[in-house]
Each structure stands twice: as C-alpha cells, then as structure tokens.
Amino acid sequence: HLVDAAAFQALFADARATRLAILNACQTAATSDQRPLVGLAPSLL
C-alpha cells in the first residue's frame, strides 16, 4: 500500500514524544531538485 509523504507525515500528528525517525528504506532521503523540502525525510521534520 503506497503512502505519499503527506500521508506518512500525518501519521505523526499525535506522536508528541518522537524525537528521531530512522527510515531504513531506499530513496527515503531523496529530495526534489526543483522544490525545497520535498521528500519523505524532510516532510517528517
């Protein structure tokens, strides 16, 4: 089930204690070369 960055980020709406996320999955650090902060990792920040 593919979940885009916006939906993945929304999972953490009530995760008030979470300081650190480890995404051990390919291309989760990949970002857009056209728009800033577009990517799975930057969205969680």
Full PDB file with SEQRES, HELIX, SHEET, SSBOND, CRYST1, ORIGX, SCALE, CONECT and MASTER records, all heavy atoms in Angstrom:
SEQRES   1 A   45  HIS LEU VAL ASP ALA ALA ALA PHE GLN ALA LEU PHE ALA          
SEQRES   2 A   45  ASP ALA ARG ALA THR ARG LEU ALA ILE LEU ASN ALA CYS          
SEQRES   3 A   45  GLN THR ALA ALA THR SER ASP GLN ARG PRO LEU VAL GLY          
SEQRES   4 A   45  LEU ALA PRO SER LEU LEU                                      
HELIX    1 AA1 ALA A    5  ALA A   10  1                                   6    
HELIX    2 AA2 LEU A   40  LEU A   44  1                                   5    
CRYST1    1.000    1.000    1.000  90.00  90.00  90.00 P 1           1          
ORIGX1      1.000000  0.000000  0.000000        0.00000                         
ORIGX2      0.000000  1.000000  0.000000        0.00000                         
ORIGX3      0.000000  0.000000  1.000000        0.00000                         
SCALE1      1.000000  0.000000  0.000000        0.00000                         
SCALE2      0.000000  1.000000  0.000000        0.00000                         
SCALE3      0.000000  0.000000  1.000000        0.00000                         
ATOM      1  N   HIS A   1       0.869  -1.183   0.000  1.00  0.00           N  
ATOM      2  CA  HIS A   1       0.000   0.000   0.000  1.00  0.00           C  
ATOM      3  C   HIS A   1       0.901   1.226   0.000  1.00  0.00           C  
ATOM      4  O   HIS A   1       1.552   1.532   1.000  1.00  0.00           O  
ATOM      5  CB  HIS A   1      -0.914  -0.007   1.216  1.00  0.00           C  
ATOM      6  CG  HIS A   1      -1.723   1.244   1.385  1.00  0.00           C  
ATOM      7  ND1 HIS A   1      -2.536   1.730   0.397  1.00  0.00           N  
ATOM      8  CD2 HIS A   1      -1.836   2.106   2.442  1.00  0.00           C  
ATOM      9  CE1 HIS A   1      -3.133   2.838   0.822  1.00  0.00           C  
ATOM     10  NE2 HIS A   1      -2.711   3.085   2.064  1.00  0.00           N  
ATOM     11  N   LEU A   2       0.968   1.948  -1.145  1.00  0.00           N  
ATOM     12  CA  LEU A   2       1.822   3.121  -1.254  1.00  0.00           C  
ATOM     13  C   LEU A   2       1.203   4.296  -0.502  1.00  0.00           C  
ATOM     14  O   LEU A   2       0.030   4.618  -0.683  1.00  0.00           O  
ATOM     15  CB  LEU A   2       2.029   3.500  -2.720  1.00  0.00           C  
ATOM     16  CG  LEU A   2       3.164   2.807  -3.488  1.00  0.00           C  
ATOM     17  CD1 LEU A   2       3.201   3.289  -4.920  1.00  0.00           C  
ATOM     18  CD2 LEU A   2       4.515   3.054  -2.815  1.00  0.00           C  
ATOM     19  N   VAL A   3       2.020   4.943   0.310  1.00  0.00           N  
ATOM     20  CA  VAL A   3       1.582   6.110   1.072  1.00  0.00           C  
ATOM     21  C   VAL A   3       2.526   7.258   0.719  1.00  0.00           C  
ATOM     22  O   VAL A   3       3.750   7.115   0.820  1.00  0.00           O  
ATOM     23  CB  VAL A   3       1.624   5.824   2.583  1.00  0.00           C  
ATOM     24  CG1 VAL A   3       1.335   7.079   3.380  1.00  0.00           C  
ATOM     25  CG2 VAL A   3       0.652   4.720   2.942  1.00  0.00           C  
ATOM     26  N   ASP A   4       1.967   8.397   0.284  1.00  0.00           N  
ATOM     27  CA  ASP A   4       2.835   9.509  -0.098  1.00  0.00           C  
ATOM     28  C   ASP A   4       3.349  10.237   1.140  1.00  0.00           C  
ATOM     29  O   ASP A   4       2.959   9.958   2.284  1.00  0.00           O  
ATOM     30  CB  ASP A   4       2.129  10.466  -1.060  1.00  0.00           C  
ATOM     31  CG  ASP A   4       0.920  11.156  -0.443  1.00  0.00           C  
ATOM     32  OD1 ASP A   4       0.834  11.226   0.793  1.00  0.00           O  
ATOM     33  OD2 ASP A   4       0.060  11.632  -1.209  1.00  0.00           O  
ATOM     34  N   ALA A   5       4.244  11.212   0.912  1.00  0.00           N  
ATOM     35  CA  ALA A   5       4.916  11.886   2.020  1.00  0.00           C  
ATOM     36  C   ALA A   5       3.931  12.604   2.928  1.00  0.00           C  
ATOM     37  O   ALA A   5       4.096  12.608   4.158  1.00  0.00           O  
ATOM     38  CB  ALA A   5       5.954  12.864   1.475  1.00  0.00           C  
ATOM     39  N   ALA A   6       2.897  13.222   2.349  1.00  0.00           N  
ATOM     40  CA  ALA A   6       1.928  13.949   3.169  1.00  0.00           C  
ATOM     41  C   ALA A   6       1.180  13.006   4.108  1.00  0.00           C  
ATOM     42  O   ALA A   6       0.984  13.308   5.295  1.00  0.00           O  
ATOM     43  CB  ALA A   6       0.956  14.708   2.268  1.00  0.00           C  
ATOM     44  N   ALA A   7       0.764  11.849   3.589  1.00  0.00           N  
ATOM     45  CA  ALA A   7       0.039  10.882   4.427  1.00  0.00           C  
ATOM     46  C   ALA A   7       0.967  10.252   5.460  1.00  0.00           C  
ATOM     47  O   ALA A   7       0.562  10.013   6.605  1.00  0.00           O  
ATOM     48  CB  ALA A   7      -0.598   9.808   3.552  1.00  0.00           C  
ATOM     49  N   PHE A   8       2.205   9.987   5.078  1.00  0.00           N  
ATOM     50  CA  PHE A   8       3.164   9.405   6.016  1.00  0.00           C  
ATOM     51  C   PHE A   8       3.455  10.387   7.154  1.00  0.00           C  
ATOM     52  O   PHE A   8       3.520  10.005   8.322  1.00  0.00           O  
ATOM     53  CB  PHE A   8       4.449   9.036   5.275  1.00  0.00           C  
ATOM     54  CG  PHE A   8       5.379   8.134   6.050  1.00  0.00           C  
ATOM     55  CD1 PHE A   8       5.085   6.789   6.212  1.00  0.00           C  
ATOM     56  CD2 PHE A   8       6.539   8.631   6.612  1.00  0.00           C  
ATOM     57  CE1 PHE A   8       5.938   5.951   6.917  1.00  0.00           C  
ATOM     58  CE2 PHE A   8       7.405   7.807   7.320  1.00  0.00           C  
ATOM     59  CZ  PHE A   8       7.095   6.463   7.473  1.00  0.00           C  
ATOM     60  N   GLN A   9       3.591  11.651   6.807  1.00  0.00           N  
ATOM     61  CA  GLN A   9       3.816  12.678   7.824  1.00  0.00           C  
ATOM     62  C   GLN A   9       2.633  12.782   8.778  1.00  0.00           C  
ATOM     63  O   GLN A   9       2.799  12.975   9.984  1.00  0.00           O  
ATOM     64  CB  GLN A   9       4.054  14.020   7.135  1.00  0.00           C  
ATOM     65  CG  GLN A   9       4.256  15.182   8.079  1.00  0.00           C  
ATOM     66  CD  GLN A   9       3.832  16.497   7.457  1.00  0.00           C  
ATOM     67  OE1 GLN A   9       2.658  16.687   7.152  1.00  0.00           O  
ATOM     68  NE2 GLN A   9       4.788  17.399   7.269  1.00  0.00           N  
ATOM     69  N   ALA A  10       1.419  12.628   8.232  1.00  0.00           N  
ATOM     70  CA  ALA A  10       0.219  12.762   9.053  1.00  0.00           C  
ATOM     71  C   ALA A  10       0.139  11.687  10.138  1.00  0.00           C  
ATOM     72  O   ALA A  10      -0.536  11.883  11.159  1.00  0.00           O  
ATOM     73  CB  ALA A  10      -1.027  12.708   8.178  1.00  0.00           C  
ATOM     74  N   LEU A  11       0.817  10.546   9.950  1.00  0.00           N  
ATOM     75  CA  LEU A  11       0.828   9.505  10.977  1.00  0.00           C  
ATOM     76  C   LEU A  11       1.395  10.023  12.301  1.00  0.00           C  
ATOM     77  O   LEU A  11       1.049   9.525  13.372  1.00  0.00           O  
ATOM     78  CB  LEU A  11       1.658   8.307  10.511  1.00  0.00           C  
ATOM     79  CG  LEU A  11       1.083   7.440   9.380  1.00  0.00           C  
ATOM     80  CD1 LEU A  11       2.138   6.451   8.898  1.00  0.00           C  
ATOM     81  CD2 LEU A  11      -0.152   6.704   9.853  1.00  0.00           C  
ATOM     82  N   PHE A  12       2.252  11.040  12.227  1.00  0.00           N  
ATOM     83  CA  PHE A  12       2.969  11.522  13.408  1.00  0.00           C  
ATOM     84  C   PHE A  12       2.278  12.713  14.066  1.00  0.00           C  
ATOM     85  O   PHE A  12       2.872  13.370  14.929  1.00  0.00           O  
ATOM     86  CB  PHE A  12       4.406  11.906  13.025  1.00  0.00           C  
ATOM     87  CG  PHE A  12       5.254  10.743  12.631  1.00  0.00           C  
ATOM     88  CD1 PHE A  12       5.170  10.206  11.355  1.00  0.00           C  
ATOM     89  CD2 PHE A  12       6.134  10.158  13.536  1.00  0.00           C  
ATOM     90  CE1 PHE A  12       5.950   9.119  10.982  1.00  0.00           C  
ATOM     91  CE2 PHE A  12       6.905   9.074  13.176  1.00  0.00           C  
ATOM     92  CZ  PHE A  12       6.812   8.546  11.899  1.00  0.00           C  
ATOM     93  N   ALA A  13       1.023  12.971  13.681  1.00  0.00           N  
ATOM     94  CA  ALA A  13       0.323  14.136  14.225  1.00  0.00           C  
ATOM     95  C   ALA A  13       0.207  14.081  15.743  1.00  0.00           C  
ATOM     96  O   ALA A  13       0.288  15.112  16.420  1.00  0.00           O  
ATOM     97  CB  ALA A  13      -1.058  14.256  13.582  1.00  0.00           C  
ATOM     98  N   ASP A  14       0.012  12.878  16.305  1.00  0.00           N  
ATOM     99  CA  ASP A  14      -0.148  12.733  17.752  1.00  0.00           C  
ATOM    100  C   ASP A  14       1.071  12.102  18.422  1.00  0.00           C  
ATOM    101  O   ASP A  14       1.005  11.739  19.602  1.00  0.00           O  
ATOM    102  CB  ASP A  14      -1.387  11.879  18.064  1.00  0.00           C  
ATOM    103  CG  ASP A  14      -2.671  12.569  17.641  1.00  0.00           C  
ATOM    104  OD1 ASP A  14      -2.737  13.807  17.756  1.00  0.00           O  
ATOM    105  OD2 ASP A  14      -3.602  11.873  17.185  1.00  0.00           O  
ATOM    106  N   ALA A  15       2.161  11.963  17.687  1.00  0.00           N  
ATOM    107  CA  ALA A  15       3.380  11.354  18.251  1.00  0.00           C  
ATOM    108  C   ALA A  15       4.221  12.457  18.894  1.00  0.00           C  
ATOM    109  O   ALA A  15       5.264  12.869  18.393  1.00  0.00           O  
ATOM    110  CB  ALA A  15       4.166  10.626  17.167  1.00  0.00           C  
ATOM    111  N   ARG A  16       3.759  12.918  20.037  1.00  0.00           N  
ATOM    112  CA  ARG A  16       4.355  14.103  20.662  1.00  0.00           C  
ATOM    113  C   ARG A  16       5.728  13.825  21.275  1.00  0.00           C  
ATOM    114  O   ARG A  16       6.484  14.754  21.517  1.00  0.00           O  
ATOM    115  CB  ARG A  16       3.413  14.647  21.736  1.00  0.00           C  
ATOM    116  CG  ARG A  16       2.082  15.138  21.179  1.00  0.00           C  
ATOM    117  CD  ARG A  16       1.143  15.556  22.281  1.00  0.00           C  
ATOM    118  NE  ARG A  16       0.819  14.463  23.188  1.00  0.00           N  
ATOM    119  CZ  ARG A  16      -0.127  13.563  22.975  1.00  0.00           C  
ATOM    120  NH1 ARG A  16      -0.807  13.593  21.839  1.00  0.00           N  
ATOM    121  NH2 ARG A  16      -0.375  12.608  23.855  1.00  0.00           N  
ATOM    122  N   ALA A  17       6.024  12.569  21.542  1.00  0.00           N  
ATOM    123  CA  ALA A  17       7.301  12.244  22.195  1.00  0.00           C  
ATOM    124  C   ALA A  17       8.418  11.933  21.204  1.00  0.00           C  
ATOM    125  O   ALA A  17       9.583  11.890  21.595  1.00  0.00           O  
ATOM    126  CB  ALA A  17       7.113  11.059  23.136  1.00  0.00           C  
ATOM    127  N   THR A  18       8.083  11.723  19.940  1.00  0.00           N  
ATOM    128  CA  THR A  18       9.076  11.232  18.973  1.00  0.00           C  
ATOM    129  C   THR A  18      10.076  12.321  18.612  1.00  0.00           C  
ATOM    130  O   THR A  18       9.701  13.390  18.141  1.00  0.00           O  
ATOM    131  CB  THR A  18       8.388  10.720  17.705  1.00  0.00           C  
ATOM    132  OG1 THR A  18       7.397   9.756  18.068  1.00  0.00           O  
ATOM    133  CG2 THR A  18       9.396  10.066  16.777  1.00  0.00           C  
ATOM    134  N   ARG A  19      11.360  12.027  18.840  1.00  0.00           N  
ATOM    135  CA  ARG A  19      12.443  12.960  18.502  1.00  0.00           C  
ATOM    136  C   ARG A  19      13.176  12.560  17.238  1.00  0.00           C  
ATOM    137  O   ARG A  19      13.689  13.400  16.519  1.00  0.00           O  
ATOM    138  CB  ARG A  19      13.474  13.009  19.631  1.00  0.00           C  
ATOM    139  CG  ARG A  19      13.226  14.006  20.741  1.00  0.00           C  
ATOM    140  CD  ARG A  19      12.152  13.581  21.660  1.00  0.00           C  
ATOM    141  NE  ARG A  19      12.245  14.315  22.948  1.00  0.00           N  
ATOM    142  CZ  ARG A  19      11.314  14.256  23.865  1.00  0.00           C  
ATOM    143  NH1 ARG A  19      10.225  13.534  23.673  1.00  0.00           N  
ATOM    144  NH2 ARG A  19      11.445  14.928  24.994  1.00  0.00           N  
ATOM    145  N   LEU A  20      13.245  11.249  16.988  1.00  0.00           N  
ATOM    146  CA  LEU A  20      14.114  10.742  15.923  1.00  0.00           C  
ATOM    147  C   LEU A  20      13.379   9.687  15.119  1.00  0.00           C  
ATOM    148  O   LEU A  20      12.712   8.818  15.693  1.00  0.00           O  
ATOM    149  CB  LEU A  20      15.390  10.141  16.534  1.00  0.00           C  
ATOM    150  CG  LEU A  20      16.328   9.356  15.623  1.00  0.00           C  
ATOM    151  CD1 LEU A  20      16.934  10.257  14.555  1.00  0.00           C  
ATOM    152  CD2 LEU A  20      17.432   8.689  16.443  1.00  0.00           C  
ATOM    153  N   ALA A  21      13.493   9.762  13.793  1.00  0.00           N  
ATOM    154  CA  ALA A  21      12.959   8.733  12.905  1.00  0.00           C  
ATOM    155  C   ALA A  21      14.108   8.140  12.097  1.00  0.00           C  
ATOM    156  O   ALA A  21      14.941   8.875  11.562  1.00  0.00           O  
ATOM    157  CB  ALA A  21      11.901   9.311  11.970  1.00  0.00           C  
ATOM    158  N   ILE A  22      14.152   6.822  12.031  1.00  0.00           N  
ATOM    159  CA  ILE A  22      15.122   6.088  11.208  1.00  0.00           C  
ATOM    160  C   ILE A  22      14.320   5.438  10.079  1.00  0.00           C  
ATOM    161  O   ILE A  22      13.465   4.585  10.345  1.00  0.00           O  
ATOM    162  CB  ILE A  22      15.855   4.997  12.006  1.00  0.00           C  
ATOM    163  CG1 ILE A  22      16.341   5.535  13.349  1.00  0.00           C  
ATOM    164  CG2 ILE A  22      17.003   4.410  11.187  1.00  0.00           C  
ATOM    165  CD1 ILE A  22      17.378   6.595  13.260  1.00  0.00           C  
ATOM    166  N   LEU A  23      14.597   5.825   8.848  1.00  0.00           N  
ATOM    167  CA  LEU A  23      13.889   5.269   7.699  1.00  0.00           C  
ATOM    168  C   LEU A  23      14.870   4.396   6.932  1.00  0.00           C  
ATOM    169  O   LEU A  23      15.606   4.873   6.055  1.00  0.00           O  
ATOM    170  CB  LEU A  23      13.341   6.394   6.806  1.00  0.00           C  
ATOM    171  CG  LEU A  23      12.446   7.430   7.510  1.00  0.00           C  
ATOM    172  CD1 LEU A  23      11.982   8.497   6.518  1.00  0.00           C  
ATOM    173  CD2 LEU A  23      11.256   6.763   8.186  1.00  0.00           C  
ATOM    174  N   ASN A  24      14.906   3.118   7.284  1.00  0.00           N  
ATOM    175  CA  ASN A  24      15.833   2.192   6.652  1.00  0.00           C  
ATOM    176  C   ASN A  24      15.160   1.599   5.424  1.00  0.00           C  
ATOM    177  O   ASN A  24      14.786   0.420   5.391  1.00  0.00           O  
ATOM    178  CB  ASN A  24      16.256   1.102   7.633  1.00  0.00           C  
ATOM    179  CG  ASN A  24      17.641   0.574   7.313  1.00  0.00           C  
ATOM    180  OD1 ASN A  24      18.122   0.714   6.188  1.00  0.00           O  
ATOM    181  ND2 ASN A  24      18.283  -0.030   8.295  1.00  0.00           N  
ATOM    182  N   ALA A  25      14.977   2.462   4.430  1.00  0.00           N  
ATOM    183  CA  ALA A  25      14.319   2.091   3.187  1.00  0.00           C  
ATOM    184  C   ALA A  25      14.907   2.938   2.069  1.00  0.00           C  
ATOM    185  O   ALA A  25      15.249   4.110   2.272  1.00  0.00           O  
ATOM    186  CB  ALA A  25      12.806   2.308   3.282  1.00  0.00           C  
ATOM    187  N   CYS A  26      15.015   2.365   0.897  1.00  0.00           N  
ATOM    188  CA  CYS A  26      15.643   3.042  -0.233  1.00  0.00           C  
ATOM    189  C   CYS A  26      14.902   4.331  -0.588  1.00  0.00           C  
ATOM    190  O   CYS A  26      13.674   4.401  -0.502  1.00  0.00           O  
ATOM    191  CB  CYS A  26      15.673   2.124  -1.460  1.00  0.00           C  
ATOM    192  SG  CYS A  26      16.547   0.574  -1.174  1.00  0.00           S  
ATOM    193  N   GLN A  27      15.660   5.341  -0.971  1.00  0.00           N  
ATOM    194  CA  GLN A  27      15.163   6.605  -1.519  1.00  0.00           C  
ATOM    195  C   GLN A  27      14.312   7.409  -0.535  1.00  0.00           C  
ATOM    196  O   GLN A  27      13.632   8.341  -0.936  1.00  0.00           O  
ATOM    197  CB  GLN A  27      14.367   6.359  -2.812  1.00  0.00           C  
ATOM    198  CG  GLN A  27      15.216   5.772  -3.932  1.00  0.00           C  
ATOM    199  CD  GLN A  27      14.466   5.693  -5.257  1.00  0.00           C  
ATOM    200  OE1 GLN A  27      13.302   5.304  -5.291  1.00  0.00           O  
ATOM    201  NE2 GLN A  27      15.120   6.067  -6.334  1.00  0.00           N  
ATOM    202  N   THR A  28      14.371   7.079   0.744  1.00  0.00           N  
ATOM    203  CA  THR A  28      13.618   7.871   1.715  1.00  0.00           C  
ATOM    204  C   THR A  28      14.303   9.195   2.016  1.00  0.00           C  
ATOM    205  O   THR A  28      13.690  10.101   2.589  1.00  0.00           O  
ATOM    206  CB  THR A  28      13.414   7.090   3.013  1.00  0.00           C  
ATOM    207  OG1 THR A  28      14.678   6.533   3.440  1.00  0.00           O  
ATOM    208  CG2 THR A  28      12.398   5.970   2.821  1.00  0.00           C  
ATOM    209  N   ALA A  29      15.590   9.330   1.639  1.00  0.00           N  
ATOM    210  CA  ALA A  29      16.295  10.600   1.791  1.00  0.00           C  
ATOM    211  C   ALA A  29      16.335  11.391   0.488  1.00  0.00           C  
ATOM    212  O   ALA A  29      16.834  12.517   0.462  1.00  0.00           O  
ATOM    213  CB  ALA A  29      17.718  10.367   2.286  1.00  0.00           C  
ATOM    214  N   ALA A  30      15.824  10.806  -0.608  1.00  0.00           N  
ATOM    215  CA  ALA A  30      15.825  11.506  -1.894  1.00  0.00           C  
ATOM    216  C   ALA A  30      14.924  12.731  -1.807  1.00  0.00           C  
ATOM    217  O   ALA A  30      13.850  12.702  -1.210  1.00  0.00           O  
ATOM    218  CB  ALA A  30      15.341  10.570  -2.996  1.00  0.00           C  
ATOM    219  N   THR A  31      15.392  13.838  -2.409  1.00  0.00           N  
ATOM    220  CA  THR A  31      14.625  15.083  -2.391  1.00  0.00           C  
ATOM    221  C   THR A  31      14.494  15.633  -3.799  1.00  0.00           C  
ATOM    222  O   THR A  31      15.264  15.295  -4.707  1.00  0.00           O  
ATOM    223  CB  THR A  31      15.291  16.138  -1.496  1.00  0.00           C  
ATOM    224  OG1 THR A  31      16.624  16.391  -1.969  1.00  0.00           O  
ATOM    225  CG2 THR A  31      15.351  15.668  -0.055  1.00  0.00           C  
ATOM    226  N   SER A  32      13.522  16.498  -3.980  1.00  0.00           N  
ATOM    227  CA  SER A  32      13.276  17.113  -5.275  1.00  0.00           C  
ATOM    228  C   SER A  32      14.410  18.076  -5.632  1.00  0.00           C  
ATOM    229  O   SER A  32      14.934  18.775  -4.759  1.00  0.00           O  
ATOM    230  CB  SER A  32      11.952  17.880  -5.240  1.00  0.00           C  
ATOM    231  OG  SER A  32      11.795  18.685  -6.397  1.00  0.00           O  
ATOM    232  N   ASP A  33      14.782  18.097  -6.921  1.00  0.00           N  
ATOM    233  CA  ASP A  33      15.769  19.074  -7.361  1.00  0.00           C  
ATOM    234  C   ASP A  33      15.097  20.340  -7.891  1.00  0.00           C  
ATOM    235  O   ASP A  33      15.756  21.207  -8.473  1.00  0.00           O  
ATOM    236  CB  ASP A  33      16.687  18.470  -8.434  1.00  0.00           C  
ATOM    237  CG  ASP A  33      15.928  17.986  -9.659  1.00  0.00           C  
ATOM    238  OD1 ASP A  33      14.690  18.167  -9.719  1.00  0.00           O  
ATOM    239  OD2 ASP A  33      16.569  17.419 -10.567  1.00  0.00           O  
ATOM    240  N   GLN A  34      13.772  20.449  -7.691  1.00  0.00           N  
ATOM    241  CA  GLN A  34      13.024  21.611  -8.158  1.00  0.00           C  
ATOM    242  C   GLN A  34      12.312  22.364  -7.038  1.00  0.00           C  
ATOM    243  O   GLN A  34      12.137  23.581  -7.110  1.00  0.00           O  
ATOM    244  CB  GLN A  34      11.980  21.185  -9.207  1.00  0.00           C  
ATOM    245  CG  GLN A  34      12.595  20.501 -10.424  1.00  0.00           C  
ATOM    246  CD  GLN A  34      11.544  20.011 -11.404  1.00  0.00           C  
ATOM    247  OE1 GLN A  34      10.438  20.546 -11.464  1.00  0.00           O  
ATOM    248  NE2 GLN A  34      11.895  18.982 -12.177  1.00  0.00           N  
ATOM    249  N   ARG A  35      11.889  21.642  -5.996  1.00  0.00           N  
ATOM    250  CA  ARG A  35      11.165  22.278  -4.896  1.00  0.00           C  
ATOM    251  C   ARG A  35      11.844  21.933  -3.574  1.00  0.00           C  
ATOM    252  O   ARG A  35      12.214  20.783  -3.348  1.00  0.00           O  
ATOM    253  CB  ARG A  35       9.706  21.813  -4.860  1.00  0.00           C  
ATOM    254  CG  ARG A  35       8.881  22.253  -6.074  1.00  0.00           C  
ATOM    255  CD  ARG A  35       7.462  21.706  -5.959  1.00  0.00           C  
ATOM    256  NE  ARG A  35       7.455  20.237  -6.080  1.00  0.00           N  
ATOM    257  CZ  ARG A  35       6.489  19.466  -5.601  1.00  0.00           C  
ATOM    258  NH1 ARG A  35       5.488  20.006  -4.911  1.00  0.00           N  
ATOM    259  NH2 ARG A  35       6.535  18.152  -5.774  1.00  0.00           N  
ATOM    260  N   PRO A  36      12.018  22.911  -2.696  1.00  0.00           N  
ATOM    261  CA  PRO A  36      12.714  22.639  -1.430  1.00  0.00           C  
ATOM    262  C   PRO A  36      11.876  21.789  -0.484  1.00  0.00           C  
ATOM    263  O   PRO A  36      10.644  21.865  -0.472  1.00  0.00           O  
ATOM    264  CB  PRO A  36      12.943  24.047  -0.851  1.00  0.00           C  
ATOM    265  CG  PRO A  36      11.887  24.895  -1.482  1.00  0.00           C  
ATOM    266  CD  PRO A  36      11.654  24.319  -2.849  1.00  0.00           C  
ATOM    267  N   LEU A  37      12.569  20.954   0.293  1.00  0.00           N  
ATOM    268  CA  LEU A  37      11.978  20.147   1.366  1.00  0.00           C  
ATOM    269  C   LEU A  37      10.897  19.197   0.872  1.00  0.00           C  
ATOM    270  O   LEU A  37       9.965  18.865   1.603  1.00  0.00           O  
ATOM    271  CB  LEU A  37      11.416  21.046   2.467  1.00  0.00           C  
ATOM    272  CG  LEU A  37      12.426  21.958   3.177  1.00  0.00           C  
ATOM    273  CD1 LEU A  37      11.737  22.810   4.226  1.00  0.00           C  
ATOM    274  CD2 LEU A  37      13.553  21.152   3.794  1.00  0.00           C  
ATOM    275  N   VAL A  38      11.003  18.749  -0.381  1.00  0.00           N  
ATOM    276  CA  VAL A  38      10.076  17.750  -0.911  1.00  0.00           C  
ATOM    277  C   VAL A  38      10.781  16.402  -0.846  1.00  0.00           C  
ATOM    278  O   VAL A  38      11.757  16.170  -1.539  1.00  0.00           O  
ATOM    279  CB  VAL A  38       9.643  18.072  -2.348  1.00  0.00           C  
ATOM    280  CG1 VAL A  38       8.831  16.916  -2.926  1.00  0.00           C  
ATOM    281  CG2 VAL A  38       8.823  19.355  -2.374  1.00  0.00           C  
ATOM    282  N   GLY A  39      10.282  15.522  -0.005  1.00  0.00           N  
ATOM    283  CA  GLY A  39      10.875  14.208   0.206  1.00  0.00           C  
ATOM    284  C   GLY A  39      10.332  13.632   1.492  1.00  0.00           C  
ATOM    285  O   GLY A  39       9.780  14.349   2.332  1.00  0.00           O  
ATOM    286  N   LEU A  40      10.485  12.339   1.653  1.00  0.00           N  
ATOM    287  CA  LEU A  40       9.909  11.678   2.829  1.00  0.00           C  
ATOM    288  C   LEU A  40      10.580  12.157   4.122  1.00  0.00           C  
ATOM    289  O   LEU A  40       9.907  12.465   5.107  1.00  0.00           O  
ATOM    290  CB  LEU A  40      10.057  10.159   2.681  1.00  0.00           C  
ATOM    291  CG  LEU A  40       8.993   9.305   3.362  1.00  0.00           C  
ATOM    292  CD1 LEU A  40       7.620   9.603   2.793  1.00  0.00           C  
ATOM    293  CD2 LEU A  40       9.314   7.833   3.202  1.00  0.00           C  
ATOM    294  N   ALA A  41      11.910  12.219   4.129  1.00  0.00           N  
ATOM    295  CA  ALA A  41      12.619  12.626   5.346  1.00  0.00           C  
ATOM    296  C   ALA A  41      12.361  14.089   5.712  1.00  0.00           C  
ATOM    297  O   ALA A  41      12.014  14.384   6.861  1.00  0.00           O  
ATOM    298  CB  ALA A  41      14.119  12.352   5.193  1.00  0.00           C  
ATOM    299  N   PRO A  42      12.518  15.044   4.777  1.00  0.00           N  
ATOM    300  CA  PRO A  42      12.251  16.441   5.159  1.00  0.00           C  
ATOM    301  C   PRO A  42      10.823  16.676   5.630  1.00  0.00           C  
ATOM    302  O   PRO A  42      10.584  17.520   6.491  1.00  0.00           O  
ATOM    303  CB  PRO A  42      12.548  17.222   3.869  1.00  0.00           C  
ATOM    304  CG  PRO A  42      13.457  16.354   3.090  1.00  0.00           C  
ATOM    305  CD  PRO A  42      13.038  14.953   3.403  1.00  0.00           C  
ATOM    306  N   SER A  43       9.865  15.922   5.084  1.00  0.00           N  
ATOM    307  CA  SER A  43       8.474  16.135   5.496  1.00  0.00           C  
ATOM    308  C   SER A  43       8.271  15.790   6.971  1.00  0.00           C  
ATOM    309  O   SER A  43       7.475  16.427   7.668  1.00  0.00           O  
ATOM    310  CB  SER A  43       7.527  15.308   4.626  1.00  0.00           C  
ATOM    311  OG  SER A  43       7.628  13.927   4.918  1.00  0.00           O  
ATOM    312  N   LEU A  44       9.003  14.786   7.483  1.00  0.00           N  
ATOM    313  CA  LEU A  44       8.856  14.414   8.885  1.00  0.00           C  
ATOM    314  C   LEU A  44       9.401  15.494   9.816  1.00  0.00           C  
ATOM    315  O   LEU A  44       8.907  15.661  10.942  1.00  0.00           O  
ATOM    316  CB  LEU A  44       9.562  13.088   9.168  1.00  0.00           C  
ATOM    317  CG  LEU A  44       8.916  11.833   8.587  1.00  0.00           C  
ATOM    318  CD1 LEU A  44       9.639  10.595   9.094  1.00  0.00           C  
ATOM    319  CD2 LEU A  44       7.443  11.750   8.927  1.00  0.00           C  
ATOM    320  N   LEU A  45      10.418  16.235   9.364  1.00  0.00           N  
ATOM    321  CA  LEU A  45      10.954  17.299  10.201  1.00  0.00           C  
ATOM    322  C   LEU A  45       9.918  18.384  10.467  1.00  0.00           C  
ATOM    323  O   LEU A  45      10.000  19.106  11.458  1.00  0.00           O  
ATOM    324  CB  LEU A  45      12.189  17.917   9.547  1.00  0.00           C  
ATOM    325  CG  LEU A  45      13.423  17.018   9.445  1.00  0.00           C  
ATOM    326  CD1 LEU A  45      14.543  17.748   8.734  1.00  0.00           C  
ATOM    327  CD2 LEU A  45      13.880  16.552  10.814  1.00  0.00           C  
TER     328      LEU A  45                                                      
MASTER        0    0    0    2    0    0    0    6  327    1    0    4          
END                                                                             
